[in-house]
Amino acid sequence: MRSARDESLGPLDERGPNKPETINGVPVGGTTLERTGLAETGDIIYVKGGRSVNIGLSLQKPNNVTAPSAGGKMQGEELSEHQKIRKSLLQVSLSSYLINELLICLRT
């Protein structure tokens, strides 16, 4: 879990509390996940100084359509940098969920 966290946030000296800014064509600040192009897909929503990152399924209202978010859809055979990070985060969160569910089943 720590590995996925560190991969998505990036090196401490490159992180920033705000969304990345582009300086001389290079994104600076924010997190590695944001600097890899995820923001352009619409999968990061900036609201009141915070961020919401969609790494899995998205639920669209009012039609209640559930589908992979735009940034997670594959185009070509090679994963982009942000898709690799997204994959790590999904694997960790799914593993944590499954372990939790298993523990609940074992208790009953």
PDB file of N, CA and C in Angstrom:
ATOM      1  N   MET A   1       0.826  -1.176   0.000  1.00  0.00           N
ATOM      2  CA  MET A   1       0.000   0.000   0.000  1.00  0.00           C
ATOM      3  C   MET A   1       0.882   1.257   0.000  1.00  0.00           C
ATOM      4  N   ARG A   2       1.944   1.211   0.785  1.00  0.00           N
ATOM      5  CA  ARG A   2       2.853   2.363   0.825  1.00  0.00           C
ATOM      6  C   ARG A   2       3.524   2.585  -0.526  1.00  0.00           C
ATOM      7  N   SER A   3       3.862   1.492  -1.186  1.00  0.00           N
ATOM      8  CA  SER A   3       4.509   1.585  -2.494  1.00  0.00           C
ATOM      9  C   SER A   3       3.588   2.278  -3.508  1.00  0.00           C
ATOM     10  N   ALA A   4       2.308   1.884  -3.530  1.00  0.00           N
ATOM     11  CA  ALA A   4       1.345   2.513  -4.446  1.00  0.00           C
ATOM     12  C   ALA A   4       1.152   3.987  -4.097  1.00  0.00           C
ATOM     13  N   ARG A   5       1.096   4.289  -2.790  1.00  0.00           N
ATOM     14  CA  ARG A   5       0.967   5.681  -2.355  1.00  0.00           C
ATOM     15  C   ARG A   5       2.158   6.505  -2.831  1.00  0.00           C
ATOM     16  N   ASP A   6       3.373   5.984  -2.564  1.00  0.00           N
ATOM     17  CA  ASP A   6       4.577   6.719  -2.940  1.00  0.00           C
ATOM     18  C   ASP A   6       4.699   6.893  -4.448  1.00  0.00           C
ATOM     19  N   GLU A   7       4.291   5.861  -5.201  1.00  0.00           N
ATOM     20  CA  GLU A   7       4.338   5.937  -6.662  1.00  0.00           C
ATOM     21  C   GLU A   7       3.389   7.023  -7.177  1.00  0.00           C
ATOM     22  N   SER A   8       2.202   7.113  -6.599  1.00  0.00           N
ATOM     23  CA  SER A   8       1.227   8.090  -7.094  1.00  0.00           C
ATOM     24  C   SER A   8       1.551   9.512  -6.645  1.00  0.00           C
ATOM     25  N   LEU A   9       2.127   9.661  -5.448  1.00  0.00           N
ATOM     26  CA  LEU A   9       2.476  11.003  -4.966  1.00  0.00           C
ATOM     27  C   LEU A   9       3.789  11.500  -5.549  1.00  0.00           C
ATOM     28  N   GLY A  10       4.733  10.581  -5.751  1.00  0.00           N
ATOM     29  CA  GLY A  10       6.029  10.957  -6.301  1.00  0.00           C
ATOM     30  C   GLY A  10       7.004  11.369  -5.215  1.00  0.00           C
ATOM     31  N   PRO A  11       8.229  11.734  -5.604  1.00  0.00           N
ATOM     32  CA  PRO A  11       9.248  12.141  -4.638  1.00  0.00           C
ATOM     33  C   PRO A  11       8.787  13.350  -3.828  1.00  0.00           C
ATOM     34  N   LEU A  12       9.110  13.340  -2.544  1.00  0.00           N
ATOM     35  CA  LEU A  12       8.671  14.399  -1.627  1.00  0.00           C
ATOM     36  C   LEU A  12       9.108  15.783  -2.108  1.00  0.00           C
ATOM     37  N   ASP A  13      10.327  15.886  -2.632  1.00  0.00           N
ATOM     38  CA  ASP A  13      10.826  17.193  -3.067  1.00  0.00           C
ATOM     39  C   ASP A  13      10.177  17.695  -4.362  1.00  0.00           C
ATOM     40  N   GLU A  14       9.399  16.835  -5.044  1.00  0.00           N
ATOM     41  CA  GLU A  14       8.716  17.254  -6.271  1.00  0.00           C
ATOM     42  C   GLU A  14       7.223  17.502  -6.052  1.00  0.00           C
ATOM     43  N   ARG A  15       6.700  17.149  -4.885  1.00  0.00           N
ATOM     44  CA  ARG A  15       5.278  17.311  -4.589  1.00  0.00           C
ATOM     45  C   ARG A  15       4.953  18.744  -4.215  1.00  0.00           C
ATOM     46  N   GLY A  16       3.697  19.093  -4.396  1.00  0.00           N
ATOM     47  CA  GLY A  16       3.218  20.389  -3.958  1.00  0.00           C
ATOM     48  C   GLY A  16       1.779  20.289  -3.489  1.00  0.00           C
ATOM     49  N   PRO A  17       1.342  21.207  -2.637  1.00  0.00           N
ATOM     50  CA  PRO A  17      -0.013  21.139  -2.093  1.00  0.00           C
ATOM     51  C   PRO A  17      -1.094  21.518  -3.104  1.00  0.00           C
ATOM     52  N   ASN A  18      -0.718  22.161  -4.176  1.00  0.00           N
ATOM     53  CA  ASN A  18      -1.686  22.618  -5.169  1.00  0.00           C
ATOM     54  C   ASN A  18      -1.540  21.823  -6.463  1.00  0.00           C
ATOM     55  N   LYS A  19      -2.496  21.996  -7.361  1.00  0.00           N
ATOM     56  CA  LYS A  19      -2.391  21.300  -8.640  1.00  0.00           C
ATOM     57  C   LYS A  19      -1.142  21.776  -9.374  1.00  0.00           C
ATOM     58  N   PRO A  20      -0.593  20.941 -10.242  1.00  0.00           N
ATOM     59  CA  PRO A  20       0.647  21.303 -10.943  1.00  0.00           C
ATOM     60  C   PRO A  20       0.468  22.538 -11.828  1.00  0.00           C
ATOM     61  N   GLU A  21       1.533  23.289 -11.931  1.00  0.00           N
ATOM     62  CA  GLU A  21       1.591  24.424 -12.856  1.00  0.00           C
ATOM     63  C   GLU A  21       2.576  24.060 -13.961  1.00  0.00           C
ATOM     64  N   THR A  22       2.332  24.558 -15.151  1.00  0.00           N
ATOM     65  CA  THR A  22       3.258  24.297 -16.253  1.00  0.00           C
ATOM     66  C   THR A  22       4.223  25.472 -16.361  1.00  0.00           C
ATOM     67  N   ILE A  23       5.508  25.167 -16.195  1.00  0.00           N
ATOM     68  CA  ILE A  23       6.563  26.180 -16.282  1.00  0.00           C
ATOM     69  C   ILE A  23       7.523  25.741 -17.376  1.00  0.00           C
ATOM     70  N   ASN A  24       7.640  26.567 -18.422  1.00  0.00           N
ATOM     71  CA  ASN A  24       8.483  26.243 -19.583  1.00  0.00           C
ATOM     72  C   ASN A  24       8.126  24.880 -20.171  1.00  0.00           C
ATOM     73  N   GLY A  25       6.822  24.590 -20.220  1.00  0.00           N
ATOM     74  CA  GLY A  25       6.345  23.355 -20.820  1.00  0.00           C
ATOM     75  C   GLY A  25       6.467  22.122 -19.937  1.00  0.00           C
ATOM     76  N   VAL A  26       6.902  22.314 -18.674  1.00  0.00           N
ATOM     77  CA  VAL A  26       7.097  21.184 -17.760  1.00  0.00           C
ATOM     78  C   VAL A  26       6.169  21.346 -16.560  1.00  0.00           C
ATOM     79  N   PRO A  27       5.352  20.317 -16.250  1.00  0.00           N
ATOM     80  CA  PRO A  27       4.505  20.412 -15.071  1.00  0.00           C
ATOM     81  C   PRO A  27       5.335  20.365 -13.785  1.00  0.00           C
ATOM     82  N   VAL A  28       5.038  21.283 -12.863  1.00  0.00           N
ATOM     83  CA  VAL A  28       5.780  21.397 -11.609  1.00  0.00           C
ATOM     84  C   VAL A  28       4.782  21.407 -10.452  1.00  0.00           C
ATOM     85  N   GLY A  29       5.115  20.692  -9.372  1.00  0.00           N
ATOM     86  CA  GLY A  29       4.257  20.660  -8.190  1.00  0.00           C
ATOM     87  C   GLY A  29       3.201  19.577  -8.305  1.00  0.00           C
ATOM     88  N   GLY A  30       2.223  19.623  -7.415  1.00  0.00           N
ATOM     89  CA  GLY A  30       1.177  18.618  -7.413  1.00  0.00           C
ATOM     90  C   GLY A  30       1.739  17.244  -7.099  1.00  0.00           C
ATOM     91  N   THR A  31       1.179  16.225  -7.710  1.00  0.00           N
ATOM     92  CA  THR A  31       1.639  14.850  -7.500  1.00  0.00           C
ATOM     93  C   THR A  31       2.082  14.249  -8.832  1.00  0.00           C
ATOM     94  N   THR A  32       2.804  13.152  -8.756  1.00  0.00           N
ATOM     95  CA  THR A  32       3.231  12.474  -9.983  1.00  0.00           C
ATOM     96  C   THR A  32       2.013  12.063 -10.806  1.00  0.00           C
ATOM     97  N   LEU A  33       0.985  11.564 -10.124  1.00  0.00           N
ATOM     98  CA  LEU A  33      -0.233  11.146 -10.822  1.00  0.00           C
ATOM     99  C   LEU A  33      -0.809  12.297 -11.644  1.00  0.00           C
ATOM    100  N   GLU A  34      -0.806  13.492 -11.077  1.00  0.00           N
ATOM    101  CA  GLU A  34      -1.321  14.655 -11.812  1.00  0.00           C
ATOM    102  C   GLU A  34      -0.384  15.073 -12.934  1.00  0.00           C
ATOM    103  N   ARG A  35       0.904  14.971 -12.711  1.00  0.00           N
ATOM    104  CA  ARG A  35       1.874  15.417 -13.722  1.00  0.00           C
ATOM    105  C   ARG A  35       1.981  14.472 -14.905  1.00  0.00           C
ATOM    106  N   THR A  36       1.433  13.259 -14.813  1.00  0.00           N
ATOM    107  CA  THR A  36       1.527  12.303 -15.915  1.00  0.00           C
ATOM    108  C   THR A  36       0.420  12.463 -16.945  1.00  0.00           C
ATOM    109  N   GLY A  37      -0.421  13.480 -16.812  1.00  0.00           N
ATOM    110  CA  GLY A  37      -1.442  13.730 -17.819  1.00  0.00           C
ATOM    111  C   GLY A  37      -2.843  13.332 -17.409  1.00  0.00           C
ATOM    112  N   LEU A  38      -3.032  12.867 -16.198  1.00  0.00           N
ATOM    113  CA  LEU A  38      -4.351  12.433 -15.750  1.00  0.00           C
ATOM    114  C   LEU A  38      -5.345  13.589 -15.729  1.00  0.00           C
ATOM    115  N   ALA A  39      -4.876  14.779 -15.415  1.00  0.00           N
ATOM    116  CA  ALA A  39      -5.786  15.920 -15.341  1.00  0.00           C
ATOM    117  C   ALA A  39      -6.451  16.205 -16.687  1.00  0.00           C
ATOM    118  N   GLU A  40      -5.743  15.955 -17.778  1.00  0.00           N
ATOM    119  CA  GLU A  40      -6.316  16.218 -19.101  1.00  0.00           C
ATOM    120  C   GLU A  40      -7.454  15.263 -19.441  1.00  0.00           C
ATOM    121  N   THR A  41      -7.518  14.110 -18.783  1.00  0.00           N
ATOM    122  CA  THR A  41      -8.576  13.143 -19.078  1.00  0.00           C
ATOM    123  C   THR A  41      -9.882  13.481 -18.374  1.00  0.00           C
ATOM    124  N   GLY A  42      -9.832  14.430 -17.439  1.00  0.00           N
ATOM    125  CA  GLY A  42     -11.021  14.773 -16.674  1.00  0.00           C
ATOM    126  C   GLY A  42     -11.196  13.897 -15.447  1.00  0.00           C
ATOM    127  N   ASP A  43     -10.200  13.057 -15.152  1.00  0.00           N
ATOM    128  CA  ASP A  43     -10.302  12.154 -14.010  1.00  0.00           C
ATOM    129  C   ASP A  43      -9.869  12.789 -12.701  1.00  0.00           C
ATOM    130  N   ILE A  44      -9.329  14.001 -12.738  1.00  0.00           N
ATOM    131  CA  ILE A  44      -9.045  14.729 -11.503  1.00  0.00           C
ATOM    132  C   ILE A  44      -9.952  15.956 -11.510  1.00  0.00           C
ATOM    133  N   ILE A  45     -10.696  16.082 -10.443  1.00  0.00           N
ATOM    134  CA  ILE A  45     -11.602  17.218 -10.315  1.00  0.00           C
ATOM    135  C   ILE A  45     -11.081  18.100  -9.189  1.00  0.00           C
ATOM    136  N   TYR A  46     -10.862  19.363  -9.473  1.00  0.00           N
ATOM    137  CA  TYR A  46     -10.371  20.302  -8.469  1.00  0.00           C
ATOM    138  C   TYR A  46     -11.557  21.069  -7.911  1.00  0.00           C
ATOM    139  N   VAL A  47     -11.814  20.910  -6.618  1.00  0.00           N
ATOM    140  CA  VAL A  47     -12.951  21.556  -5.982  1.00  0.00           C
ATOM    141  C   VAL A  47     -12.497  22.218  -4.690  1.00  0.00           C
ATOM    142  N   LYS A  48     -12.691  23.520  -4.581  1.00  0.00           N
ATOM    143  CA  LYS A  48     -12.407  24.274  -3.348  1.00  0.00           C
ATOM    144  C   LYS A  48     -11.034  23.937  -2.759  1.00  0.00           C
ATOM    145  N   GLY A  49     -10.011  23.919  -3.579  1.00  0.00           N
ATOM    146  CA  GLY A  49      -8.659  23.687  -3.103  1.00  0.00           C
ATOM    147  C   GLY A  49      -8.305  22.228  -2.885  1.00  0.00           C
ATOM    148  N   GLY A  50      -9.267  21.319  -3.042  1.00  0.00           N
ATOM    149  CA  GLY A  50      -8.998  19.894  -2.876  1.00  0.00           C
ATOM    150  C   GLY A  50      -8.996  19.198  -4.217  1.00  0.00           C
ATOM    151  N   ARG A  51      -8.730  17.897  -4.195  1.00  0.00           N
ATOM    152  CA  ARG A  51      -8.757  17.133  -5.433  1.00  0.00           C
ATOM    153  C   ARG A  51      -9.537  15.847  -5.218  1.00  0.00           C
ATOM    154  N   SER A  52     -10.213  15.443  -6.244  1.00  0.00           N
ATOM    155  CA  SER A  52     -10.904  14.164  -6.262  1.00  0.00           C
ATOM    156  C   SER A  52     -10.358  13.409  -7.465  1.00  0.00           C
ATOM    157  N   VAL A  53      -9.782  12.232  -7.228  1.00  0.00           N
ATOM    158  CA  VAL A  53      -9.168  11.458  -8.300  1.00  0.00           C
ATOM    159  C   VAL A  53      -9.969  10.187  -8.534  1.00  0.00           C
ATOM    160  N   ASN A  54     -10.425  10.018  -9.752  1.00  0.00           N
ATOM    161  CA  ASN A  54     -11.184   8.830 -10.112  1.00  0.00           C
ATOM    162  C   ASN A  54     -10.222   7.813 -10.703  1.00  0.00           C
ATOM    163  N   ILE A  55      -9.969   6.716  -9.971  1.00  0.00           N
ATOM    164  CA  ILE A  55      -9.032   5.709 -10.481  1.00  0.00           C
ATOM    165  C   ILE A  55      -9.730   4.427 -10.893  1.00  0.00           C
ATOM    166  N   GLY A  56     -11.001   4.307 -10.629  1.00  0.00           N
ATOM    167  CA  GLY A  56     -11.715   3.068 -10.937  1.00  0.00           C
ATOM    168  C   GLY A  56     -12.934   3.339 -11.779  1.00  0.00           C
ATOM    169  N   LEU A  57     -14.050   2.818 -11.330  1.00  0.00           N
ATOM    170  CA  LEU A  57     -15.308   3.033 -12.029  1.00  0.00           C
ATOM    171  C   LEU A  57     -15.878   4.383 -11.667  1.00  0.00           C
ATOM    172  N   SER A  58     -16.660   4.933 -12.573  1.00  0.00           N
ATOM    173  CA  SER A  58     -17.346   6.183 -12.268  1.00  0.00           C
ATOM    174  C   SER A  58     -18.843   5.946 -12.415  1.00  0.00           C
ATOM    175  N   LEU A  59     -19.615   6.632 -11.594  1.00  0.00           N
ATOM    176  CA  LEU A  59     -21.065   6.546 -11.644  1.00  0.00           C
ATOM    177  C   LEU A  59     -21.575   7.891 -12.117  1.00  0.00           C
ATOM    178  N   GLN A  60     -22.276   7.888 -13.241  1.00  0.00           N
ATOM    179  CA  GLN A  60     -22.773   9.130 -13.806  1.00  0.00           C
ATOM    180  C   GLN A  60     -24.255   9.265 -13.519  1.00  0.00           C
ATOM    181  N   LYS A  61     -24.643  10.408 -13.011  1.00  0.00           N
ATOM    182  CA  LYS A  61     -26.057  10.665 -12.758  1.00  0.00           C
ATOM    183  C   LYS A  61     -26.535  11.633 -13.820  1.00  0.00           C
ATOM    184  N   PRO A  62     -27.744  11.650 -14.229  1.00  0.00           N
ATOM    185  CA  PRO A  62     -28.900  10.977 -13.662  1.00  0.00           C
ATOM    186  C   PRO A  62     -29.162   9.589 -14.245  1.00  0.00           C
ATOM    187  N   ASN A  63     -28.387   9.167 -15.226  1.00  0.00           N
ATOM    188  CA  ASN A  63     -28.713   7.901 -15.881  1.00  0.00           C
ATOM    189  C   ASN A  63     -28.068   6.673 -15.223  1.00  0.00           C
ATOM    190  N   ASN A  64     -27.335   6.872 -14.111  1.00  0.00           N
ATOM    191  CA  ASN A  64     -26.735   5.774 -13.341  1.00  0.00           C
ATOM    192  C   ASN A  64     -25.912   4.807 -14.190  1.00  0.00           C
ATOM    193  N   VAL A  65     -25.133   5.335 -15.114  1.00  0.00           N
ATOM    194  CA  VAL A  65     -24.265   4.515 -15.942  1.00  0.00           C
ATOM    195  C   VAL A  65     -22.955   4.291 -15.187  1.00  0.00           C
ATOM    196  N   THR A  66     -22.544   3.050 -15.038  1.00  0.00           N
ATOM    197  CA  THR A  66     -21.270   2.728 -14.406  1.00  0.00           C
ATOM    198  C   THR A  66     -20.330   2.210 -15.481  1.00  0.00           C
ATOM    199  N   ALA A  67     -19.151   2.829 -15.559  1.00  0.00           N
ATOM    200  CA  ALA A  67     -18.191   2.450 -16.591  1.00  0.00           C
ATOM    201  C   ALA A  67     -16.797   2.870 -16.155  1.00  0.00           C
ATOM    202  N   PRO A  68     -15.766   2.302 -16.783  1.00  0.00           N
ATOM    203  CA  PRO A  68     -14.409   2.764 -16.469  1.00  0.00           C
ATOM    204  C   PRO A  68     -14.287   4.251 -16.774  1.00  0.00           C
ATOM    205  N   SER A  69     -13.541   4.952 -15.931  1.00  0.00           N
ATOM    206  CA  SER A  69     -13.339   6.374 -16.188  1.00  0.00           C
ATOM    207  C   SER A  69     -12.505   6.546 -17.452  1.00  0.00           C
ATOM    208  N   ALA A  70     -12.601   7.713 -18.046  1.00  0.00           N
ATOM    209  CA  ALA A  70     -11.956   7.958 -19.345  1.00  0.00           C
ATOM    210  C   ALA A  70     -10.457   7.695 -19.312  1.00  0.00           C
ATOM    211  N   GLY A  71      -9.769   8.110 -18.243  1.00  0.00           N
ATOM    212  CA  GLY A  71      -8.322   7.940 -18.166  1.00  0.00           C
ATOM    213  C   GLY A  71      -7.883   6.506 -18.019  1.00  0.00           C
ATOM    214  N   GLY A  72      -8.790   5.612 -17.612  1.00  0.00           N
ATOM    215  CA  GLY A  72      -8.437   4.212 -17.429  1.00  0.00           C
ATOM    216  C   GLY A  72      -8.664   3.359 -18.646  1.00  0.00           C
ATOM    217  N   LYS A  73      -9.279   3.910 -19.655  1.00  0.00           N
ATOM    218  CA  LYS A  73      -9.551   3.129 -20.863  1.00  0.00           C
ATOM    219  C   LYS A  73      -8.263   2.998 -21.673  1.00  0.00           C
ATOM    220  N   MET A  74      -8.025   1.809 -22.175  1.00  0.00           N
ATOM    221  CA  MET A  74      -6.798   1.533 -22.923  1.00  0.00           C
ATOM    222  C   MET A  74      -6.900   2.042 -24.353  1.00  0.00           C
ATOM    223  N   GLN A  75      -5.827   2.631 -24.796  1.00  0.00           N
ATOM    224  CA  GLN A  75      -5.696   3.017 -26.190  1.00  0.00           C
ATOM    225  C   GLN A  75      -4.313   2.564 -26.622  1.00  0.00           C
ATOM    226  N   GLY A  76      -4.252   1.536 -27.426  1.00  0.00           N
ATOM    227  CA  GLY A  76      -2.970   0.952 -27.786  1.00  0.00           C
ATOM    228  C   GLY A  76      -2.646  -0.175 -26.820  1.00  0.00           C
ATOM    229  N   GLU A  77      -1.444  -0.716 -26.939  1.00  0.00           N
ATOM    230  CA  GLU A  77      -1.078  -1.874 -26.126  1.00  0.00           C
ATOM    231  C   GLU A  77      -0.238  -1.519 -24.914  1.00  0.00           C
ATOM    232  N   GLU A  78       0.415  -0.386 -24.908  1.00  0.00           N
ATOM    233  CA  GLU A  78       1.307  -0.021 -23.820  1.00  0.00           C
ATOM    234  C   GLU A  78       0.596   0.928 -22.853  1.00  0.00           C
ATOM    235  N   LEU A  79       0.766   0.675 -21.555  1.00  0.00           N
ATOM    236  CA  LEU A  79       0.163   1.538 -20.541  1.00  0.00           C
ATOM    237  C   LEU A  79       0.928   2.850 -20.453  1.00  0.00           C
ATOM    238  N   SER A  80       0.184   3.957 -20.337  1.00  0.00           N
ATOM    239  CA  SER A  80       0.834   5.247 -20.102  1.00  0.00           C
ATOM    240  C   SER A  80       1.293   5.287 -18.651  1.00  0.00           C
ATOM    241  N   GLU A  81       2.084   6.291 -18.295  1.00  0.00           N
ATOM    242  CA  GLU A  81       2.599   6.401 -16.927  1.00  0.00           C
ATOM    243  C   GLU A  81       1.456   6.499 -15.913  1.00  0.00           C
ATOM    244  N   HIS A  82       0.443   7.335 -16.214  1.00  0.00           N
ATOM    245  CA  HIS A  82      -0.634   7.455 -15.227  1.00  0.00           C
ATOM    246  C   HIS A  82      -1.499   6.192 -15.178  1.00  0.00           C
ATOM    247  N   GLN A  83      -1.579   5.431 -16.264  1.00  0.00           N
ATOM    248  CA  GLN A  83      -2.314   4.165 -16.222  1.00  0.00           C
ATOM    249  C   GLN A  83      -1.571   3.132 -15.375  1.00  0.00           C
ATOM    250  N   LYS A  84      -0.236   3.165 -15.401  1.00  0.00           N
ATOM    251  CA  LYS A  84       0.546   2.269 -14.549  1.00  0.00           C
ATOM    252  C   LYS A  84       0.315   2.603 -13.072  1.00  0.00           C
ATOM    253  N   ILE A  85       0.314   3.883 -12.753  1.00  0.00           N
ATOM    254  CA  ILE A  85       0.081   4.309 -11.370  1.00  0.00           C
ATOM    255  C   ILE A  85      -1.340   3.933 -10.953  1.00  0.00           C
ATOM    256  N   ARG A  86      -2.304   4.194 -11.816  1.00  0.00           N
ATOM    257  CA  ARG A  86      -3.707   3.849 -11.551  1.00  0.00           C
ATOM    258  C   ARG A  86      -3.841   2.346 -11.290  1.00  0.00           C
ATOM    259  N   LYS A  87      -3.146   1.539 -12.080  1.00  0.00           N
ATOM    260  CA  LYS A  87      -3.204   0.087 -11.919  1.00  0.00           C
ATOM    261  C   LYS A  87      -2.697  -0.317 -10.539  1.00  0.00           C
ATOM    262  N   SER A  88      -1.583   0.274 -10.104  1.00  0.00           N
ATOM    263  CA  SER A  88      -1.040  -0.030  -8.774  1.00  0.00           C
ATOM    264  C   SER A  88      -2.029   0.342  -7.679  1.00  0.00           C
ATOM    265  N   LEU A  89      -2.634   1.522  -7.797  1.00  0.00           N
ATOM    266  CA  LEU A  89      -3.601   1.961  -6.788  1.00  0.00           C
ATOM    267  C   LEU A  89      -4.823   1.053  -6.747  1.00  0.00           C
ATOM    268  N   LEU A  90      -5.305   0.650  -7.908  1.00  0.00           N
ATOM    269  CA  LEU A  90      -6.466  -0.243  -7.957  1.00  0.00           C
ATOM    270  C   LEU A  90      -6.137  -1.612  -7.367  1.00  0.00           C
ATOM    271  N   GLN A  91      -4.958  -2.131  -7.660  1.00  0.00           N
ATOM    272  CA  GLN A  91      -4.573  -3.433  -7.120  1.00  0.00           C
ATOM    273  C   GLN A  91      -4.518  -3.397  -5.600  1.00  0.00           C
ATOM    274  N   VAL A  92      -3.946  -2.323  -5.045  1.00  0.00           N
ATOM    275  CA  VAL A  92      -3.852  -2.202  -3.590  1.00  0.00           C
ATOM    276  C   VAL A  92      -5.228  -2.049  -2.969  1.00  0.00           C
ATOM    277  N   SER A  93      -6.064  -1.190  -3.542  1.00  0.00           N
ATOM    278  CA  SER A  93      -7.381  -0.967  -2.939  1.00  0.00           C
ATOM    279  C   SER A  93      -8.257  -2.212  -3.056  1.00  0.00           C
ATOM    280  N   LEU A  94      -8.167  -2.927  -4.159  1.00  0.00           N
ATOM    281  CA  LEU A  94      -8.949  -4.157  -4.313  1.00  0.00           C
ATOM    282  C   LEU A  94      -8.456  -5.227  -3.340  1.00  0.00           C
ATOM    283  N   SER A  95      -7.143  -5.356  -3.205  1.00  0.00           N
ATOM    284  CA  SER A  95      -6.594  -6.328  -2.261  1.00  0.00           C
ATOM    285  C   SER A  95      -7.056  -6.019  -0.841  1.00  0.00           C
ATOM    286  N   SER A  96      -7.001  -4.749  -0.457  1.00  0.00           N
ATOM    287  CA  SER A  96      -7.439  -4.348   0.882  1.00  0.00           C
ATOM    288  C   SER A  96      -8.911  -4.674   1.084  1.00  0.00           C
ATOM    289  N   TYR A  97      -9.723  -4.394   0.085  1.00  0.00           N
ATOM    290  CA  TYR A  97     -11.155  -4.674   0.175  1.00  0.00           C
ATOM    291  C   TYR A  97     -11.403  -6.177   0.326  1.00  0.00           C
ATOM    292  N   LEU A  98     -10.733  -6.987  -0.500  1.00  0.00           N
ATOM    293  CA  LEU A  98     -10.940  -8.431  -0.445  1.00  0.00           C
ATOM    294  C   LEU A  98     -10.483  -9.033   0.884  1.00  0.00           C
ATOM    295  N   ILE A  99      -9.367  -8.546   1.410  1.00  0.00           N
ATOM    296  CA  ILE A  99      -8.898  -9.021   2.713  1.00  0.00           C
ATOM    297  C   ILE A  99      -9.914  -8.662   3.788  1.00  0.00           C
ATOM    298  N   ASN A 100     -10.437  -7.448   3.747  1.00  0.00           N
ATOM    299  CA  ASN A 100     -11.445  -7.019   4.715  1.00  0.00           C
ATOM    300  C   ASN A 100     -12.693  -7.900   4.620  1.00  0.00           C
ATOM    301  N   GLU A 101     -13.148  -8.170   3.417  1.00  0.00           N
ATOM    302  CA  GLU A 101     -14.328  -9.016   3.235  1.00  0.00           C
ATOM    303  C   GLU A 101     -14.087 -10.438   3.740  1.00  0.00           C
ATOM    304  N   LEU A 102     -12.883 -10.957   3.497  1.00  0.00           N
ATOM    305  CA  LEU A 102     -12.531 -12.282   3.974  1.00  0.00           C
ATOM    306  C   LEU A 102     -12.557 -12.325   5.501  1.00  0.00           C
ATOM    307  N   LEU A 103     -12.001 -11.302   6.144  1.00  0.00           N
ATOM    308  CA  LEU A 103     -12.003 -11.244   7.601  1.00  0.00           C
ATOM    309  C   LEU A 103     -13.432 -11.170   8.154  1.00  0.00           C
ATOM    310  N   ILE A 104     -14.286 -10.432   7.492  1.00  0.00           N
ATOM    311  CA  ILE A 104     -15.686 -10.354   7.917  1.00  0.00           C
ATOM    312  C   ILE A 104     -16.342 -11.726   7.810  1.00  0.00           C
ATOM    313  N   CYS A 105     -16.087 -12.427   6.701  1.00  0.00           N
ATOM    314  CA  CYS A 105     -16.661 -13.780   6.513  1.00  0.00           C
ATOM    315  C   CYS A 105     -16.144 -14.749   7.576  1.00  0.00           C
ATOM    316  N   LEU A 106     -14.883 -14.642   7.935  1.00  0.00           N
ATOM    317  CA  LEU A 106     -14.284 -15.550   8.913  1.00  0.00           C
ATOM    318  C   LEU A 106     -14.862 -15.300  10.309  1.00  0.00           C
ATOM    319  N   ARG A 107     -15.245 -14.076  10.581  1.00  0.00           N
ATOM    320  CA  ARG A 107     -15.812 -13.738  11.907  1.00  0.00           C
ATOM    321  C   ARG A 107     -17.231 -14.261  12.076  1.00  0.00           C
ATOM    322  N   THR A 108     -17.934 -14.484  10.963  1.00  0.00           N
ATOM    323  CA  THR A 108     -19.336 -14.922  11.073  1.00  0.00           C
ATOM    324  C   THR A 108     -19.473 -16.416  11.060  1.00  0.00           C
TER     325      THR A 108
END
